């Protein structure tokens, strides 16, 4: 496999693990997940239209 693909998989798994850890530690889980999803939508739109 390409080193770029391996790097992307490692970065995405690290981000996913960090998000799960912070979600479990946060006091208001629903608010955190909502903010996380909204920020993901904003970043996806930014990367699609650039």
PDB file of N, CA and C in Angstrom:
ATOM      1  N   UNK A   1       0.840  -1.184   0.000  1.00  0.00           N
ATOM      2  CA  UNK A   1       0.000   0.000   0.000  1.00  0.00           C
ATOM      3  C   UNK A   1       0.878   1.238   0.000  1.00  0.00           C
ATOM      4  N   UNK A   2       0.300   2.284  -0.493  1.00  0.00           N
ATOM      5  CA  UNK A   2       0.995   3.559  -0.574  1.00  0.00           C
ATOM      6  C   UNK A   2       1.178   4.166   0.819  1.00  0.00           C
ATOM      7  N   UNK A   3       2.307   4.840   1.045  1.00  0.00           N
ATOM      8  CA  UNK A   3       2.510   5.498   2.339  1.00  0.00           C
ATOM      9  C   UNK A   3       1.460   6.577   2.633  1.00  0.00           C
ATOM     10  N   UNK A   4       0.937   7.203   1.606  1.00  0.00           N
ATOM     11  CA  UNK A   4      -0.107   8.224   1.797  1.00  0.00           C
ATOM     12  C   UNK A   4      -1.373   7.582   2.350  1.00  0.00           C
ATOM     13  N   UNK A   5      -1.738   6.442   1.815  1.00  0.00           N
ATOM     14  CA  UNK A   5      -2.938   5.742   2.278  1.00  0.00           C
ATOM     15  C   UNK A   5      -2.764   5.294   3.721  1.00  0.00           C
ATOM     16  N   UNK A   6      -1.610   4.752   4.041  1.00  0.00           N
ATOM     17  CA  UNK A   6      -1.355   4.314   5.414  1.00  0.00           C
ATOM     18  C   UNK A   6      -1.394   5.515   6.359  1.00  0.00           C
ATOM     19  N   UNK A   7      -0.820   6.639   5.946  1.00  0.00           N
ATOM     20  CA  UNK A   7      -0.851   7.849   6.767  1.00  0.00           C
ATOM     21  C   UNK A   7      -2.266   8.350   7.004  1.00  0.00           C
ATOM     22  N   UNK A   8      -3.088   8.345   5.958  1.00  0.00           N
ATOM     23  CA  UNK A   8      -4.474   8.785   6.101  1.00  0.00           C
ATOM     24  C   UNK A   8      -5.261   7.879   7.047  1.00  0.00           C
ATOM     25  N   UNK A   9      -5.039   6.587   6.952  1.00  0.00           N
ATOM     26  CA  UNK A   9      -5.724   5.652   7.842  1.00  0.00           C
ATOM     27  C   UNK A   9      -5.289   5.877   9.284  1.00  0.00           C
ATOM     28  N   UNK A  10      -3.998   6.082   9.507  1.00  0.00           N
ATOM     29  CA  UNK A  10      -3.510   6.315  10.866  1.00  0.00           C
ATOM     30  C   UNK A  10      -4.036   7.625  11.444  1.00  0.00           C
ATOM     31  N   UNK A  11      -4.052   8.676  10.630  1.00  0.00           N
ATOM     32  CA  UNK A  11      -4.564   9.971  11.096  1.00  0.00           C
ATOM     33  C   UNK A  11      -6.048   9.876  11.415  1.00  0.00           C
ATOM     34  N   UNK A  12      -6.822   9.233  10.545  1.00  0.00           N
ATOM     35  CA  UNK A  12      -8.267   9.137  10.796  1.00  0.00           C
ATOM     36  C   UNK A  12      -8.564   8.290  12.030  1.00  0.00           C
ATOM     37  N   UNK A  13      -7.802   7.228  12.250  1.00  0.00           N
ATOM     38  CA  UNK A  13      -8.033   6.416  13.454  1.00  0.00           C
ATOM     39  C   UNK A  13      -7.645   7.182  14.711  1.00  0.00           C
ATOM     40  N   UNK A  14      -6.587   7.980  14.644  1.00  0.00           N
ATOM     41  CA  UNK A  14      -6.188   8.799  15.789  1.00  0.00           C
ATOM     42  C   UNK A  14      -7.249   9.842  16.108  1.00  0.00           C
ATOM     43  N   UNK A  15      -7.769  10.518  15.087  1.00  0.00           N
ATOM     44  CA  UNK A  15      -8.822  11.525  15.291  1.00  0.00           C
ATOM     45  C   UNK A  15     -10.073  10.870  15.876  1.00  0.00           C
ATOM     46  N   UNK A  16     -10.432   9.701  15.385  1.00  0.00           N
ATOM     47  CA  UNK A  16     -11.601   8.997  15.885  1.00  0.00           C
ATOM     48  C   UNK A  16     -11.423   8.620  17.365  1.00  0.00           C
ATOM     49  N   UNK A  17     -10.238   8.139  17.718  1.00  0.00           N
ATOM     50  CA  UNK A  17      -9.978   7.762  19.114  1.00  0.00           C
ATOM     51  C   UNK A  17     -10.017   8.978  20.028  1.00  0.00           C
ATOM     52  N   UNK A  18      -9.458  10.099  19.590  1.00  0.00           N
ATOM     53  CA  UNK A  18      -9.484  11.329  20.387  1.00  0.00           C
ATOM     54  C   UNK A  18     -10.927  11.794  20.577  1.00  0.00           C
ATOM     55  N   UNK A  19     -11.716  11.758  19.495  1.00  0.00           N
ATOM     56  CA  UNK A  19     -13.120  12.183  19.597  1.00  0.00           C
ATOM     57  C   UNK A  19     -13.895  11.313  20.572  1.00  0.00           C
ATOM     58  N   UNK A  20     -13.698  10.003  20.518  1.00  0.00           N
ATOM     59  CA  UNK A  20     -14.389   9.100  21.443  1.00  0.00           C
ATOM     60  C   UNK A  20     -13.966   9.350  22.888  1.00  0.00           C
ATOM     61  N   UNK A  21     -12.677   9.577  23.097  1.00  0.00           N
ATOM     62  CA  UNK A  21     -12.184   9.835  24.444  1.00  0.00           C
ATOM     63  C   UNK A  21     -12.786  11.114  25.002  1.00  0.00           C
ATOM     64  N   UNK A  22     -12.792  12.189  24.212  1.00  0.00           N
ATOM     65  CA  UNK A  22     -13.338  13.460  24.678  1.00  0.00           C
ATOM     66  C   UNK A  22     -14.845  13.352  24.891  1.00  0.00           C
ATOM     67  N   UNK A  23     -15.535  12.622  24.039  1.00  0.00           N
ATOM     68  CA  UNK A  23     -16.982  12.444  24.202  1.00  0.00           C
ATOM     69  C   UNK A  23     -17.297  11.740  25.520  1.00  0.00           C
ATOM     70  N   UNK A  24     -16.531  10.724  25.851  1.00  0.00           N
ATOM     71  CA  UNK A  24     -16.781   9.992  27.099  1.00  0.00           C
ATOM     72  C   UNK A  24     -16.481  10.851  28.321  1.00  0.00           C
ATOM     73  N   UNK A  25     -15.522  11.773  28.219  1.00  0.00           N
ATOM     74  CA  UNK A  25     -15.139  12.599  29.358  1.00  0.00           C
ATOM     75  C   UNK A  25     -15.992  13.861  29.507  1.00  0.00           C
ATOM     76  N   UNK A  26     -16.701  14.243  28.451  1.00  0.00           N
ATOM     77  CA  UNK A  26     -17.454  15.500  28.503  1.00  0.00           C
ATOM     78  C   UNK A  26     -18.703  15.343  29.370  1.00  0.00           C
ATOM     79  N   UNK A  27     -19.125  16.454  29.952  1.00  0.00           N
ATOM     80  CA  UNK A  27     -20.307  16.435  30.809  1.00  0.00           C
ATOM     81  C   UNK A  27     -21.586  16.344  29.999  1.00  0.00           C
ATOM     82  N   UNK A  28     -21.654  17.082  28.900  1.00  0.00           N
ATOM     83  CA  UNK A  28     -22.848  17.099  28.055  1.00  0.00           C
ATOM     84  C   UNK A  28     -22.497  16.448  26.718  1.00  0.00           C
ATOM     85  N   UNK A  29     -22.690  15.152  26.636  1.00  0.00           N
ATOM     86  CA  UNK A  29     -22.266  14.401  25.461  1.00  0.00           C
ATOM     87  C   UNK A  29     -23.008  14.808  24.193  1.00  0.00           C
ATOM     88  N   UNK A  30     -24.297  15.066  24.298  1.00  0.00           N
ATOM     89  CA  UNK A  30     -25.084  15.422  23.116  1.00  0.00           C
ATOM     90  C   UNK A  30     -24.625  16.748  22.527  1.00  0.00           C
ATOM     91  N   UNK A  31     -24.332  17.723  23.379  1.00  0.00           N
ATOM     92  CA  UNK A  31     -23.878  19.021  22.886  1.00  0.00           C
ATOM     93  C   UNK A  31     -22.514  18.882  22.216  1.00  0.00           C
ATOM     94  N   UNK A  32     -21.625  18.084  22.803  1.00  0.00           N
ATOM     95  CA  UNK A  32     -20.305  17.899  22.201  1.00  0.00           C
ATOM     96  C   UNK A  32     -20.414  17.241  20.836  1.00  0.00           C
ATOM     97  N   UNK A  33     -21.221  16.196  20.731  1.00  0.00           N
ATOM     98  CA  UNK A  33     -21.370  15.497  19.451  1.00  0.00           C
ATOM     99  C   UNK A  33     -22.007  16.420  18.417  1.00  0.00           C
ATOM    100  N   UNK A  34     -22.984  17.227  18.827  1.00  0.00           N
ATOM    101  CA  UNK A  34     -23.601  18.176  17.903  1.00  0.00           C
ATOM    102  C   UNK A  34     -22.571  19.165  17.376  1.00  0.00           C
ATOM    103  N   UNK A  35     -21.770  19.749  18.252  1.00  0.00           N
ATOM    104  CA  UNK A  35     -20.742  20.697  17.816  1.00  0.00           C
ATOM    105  C   UNK A  35     -19.699  20.025  16.931  1.00  0.00           C
ATOM    106  N   UNK A  36     -19.338  18.795  17.256  1.00  0.00           N
ATOM    107  CA  UNK A  36     -18.368  18.062  16.450  1.00  0.00           C
ATOM    108  C   UNK A  36     -18.910  17.819  15.034  1.00  0.00           C
ATOM    109  N   UNK A  37     -20.158  17.404  14.953  1.00  0.00           N
ATOM    110  CA  UNK A  37     -20.756  17.139  13.646  1.00  0.00           C
ATOM    111  C   UNK A  37     -20.914  18.418  12.825  1.00  0.00           C
ATOM    112  N   UNK A  38     -21.312  19.519  13.470  1.00  0.00           N
ATOM    113  CA  UNK A  38     -21.438  20.785  12.753  1.00  0.00           C
ATOM    114  C   UNK A  38     -20.089  21.255  12.228  1.00  0.00           C
ATOM    115  N   UNK A  39     -19.041  21.105  13.020  1.00  0.00           N
ATOM    116  CA  UNK A  39     -17.720  21.504  12.543  1.00  0.00           C
ATOM    117  C   UNK A  39     -17.262  20.605  11.400  1.00  0.00           C
ATOM    118  N   UNK A  40     -17.618  19.328  11.443  1.00  0.00           N
ATOM    119  CA  UNK A  40     -17.261  18.424  10.347  1.00  0.00           C
ATOM    120  C   UNK A  40     -17.960  18.841   9.059  1.00  0.00           C
ATOM    121  N   UNK A  41     -19.206  19.241   9.145  1.00  0.00           N
ATOM    122  CA  UNK A  41     -19.939  19.691   7.957  1.00  0.00           C
ATOM    123  C   UNK A  41     -19.298  20.941   7.373  1.00  0.00           C
ATOM    124  N   UNK A  42     -18.895  21.868   8.228  1.00  0.00           N
ATOM    125  CA  UNK A  42     -18.249  23.093   7.750  1.00  0.00           C
ATOM    126  C   UNK A  42     -16.938  22.767   7.047  1.00  0.00           C
ATOM    127  N   UNK A  43     -16.125  21.886   7.638  1.00  0.00           N
ATOM    128  CA  UNK A  43     -14.848  21.547   7.018  1.00  0.00           C
ATOM    129  C   UNK A  43     -15.035  20.776   5.723  1.00  0.00           C
ATOM    130  N   UNK A  44     -16.027  19.906   5.660  1.00  0.00           N
ATOM    131  CA  UNK A  44     -16.277  19.150   4.425  1.00  0.00           C
ATOM    132  C   UNK A  44     -16.652  20.110   3.301  1.00  0.00           C
ATOM    133  N   UNK A  45     -17.516  21.070   3.601  1.00  0.00           N
ATOM    134  CA  UNK A  45     -17.893  22.048   2.582  1.00  0.00           C
ATOM    135  C   UNK A  45     -16.686  22.849   2.127  1.00  0.00           C
ATOM    136  N   UNK A  46     -15.807  23.206   3.052  1.00  0.00           N
ATOM    137  CA  UNK A  46     -14.607  23.974   2.708  1.00  0.00           C
ATOM    138  C   UNK A  46     -13.723  23.186   1.753  1.00  0.00           C
ATOM    139  N   UNK A  47     -13.523  21.885   2.026  1.00  0.00           N
ATOM    140  CA  UNK A  47     -12.645  21.087   1.196  1.00  0.00           C
ATOM    141  C   UNK A  47     -13.279  20.705  -0.148  1.00  0.00           C
ATOM    142  N   UNK A  48     -14.587  20.610  -0.201  1.00  0.00           N
ATOM    143  CA  UNK A  48     -15.248  20.274  -1.457  1.00  0.00           C
ATOM    144  C   UNK A  48     -15.177  21.449  -2.431  1.00  0.00           C
ATOM    145  N   UNK A  49     -15.382  22.662  -1.921  1.00  0.00           N
ATOM    146  CA  UNK A  49     -15.468  23.816  -2.803  1.00  0.00           C
ATOM    147  C   UNK A  49     -14.138  24.534  -3.018  1.00  0.00           C
ATOM    148  N   UNK A  50     -13.024  23.954  -2.557  1.00  0.00           N
ATOM    149  CA  UNK A  50     -11.734  24.587  -2.828  1.00  0.00           C
ATOM    150  C   UNK A  50     -10.922  23.762  -3.778  1.00  0.00           C
TER     151      UNK A  50
END
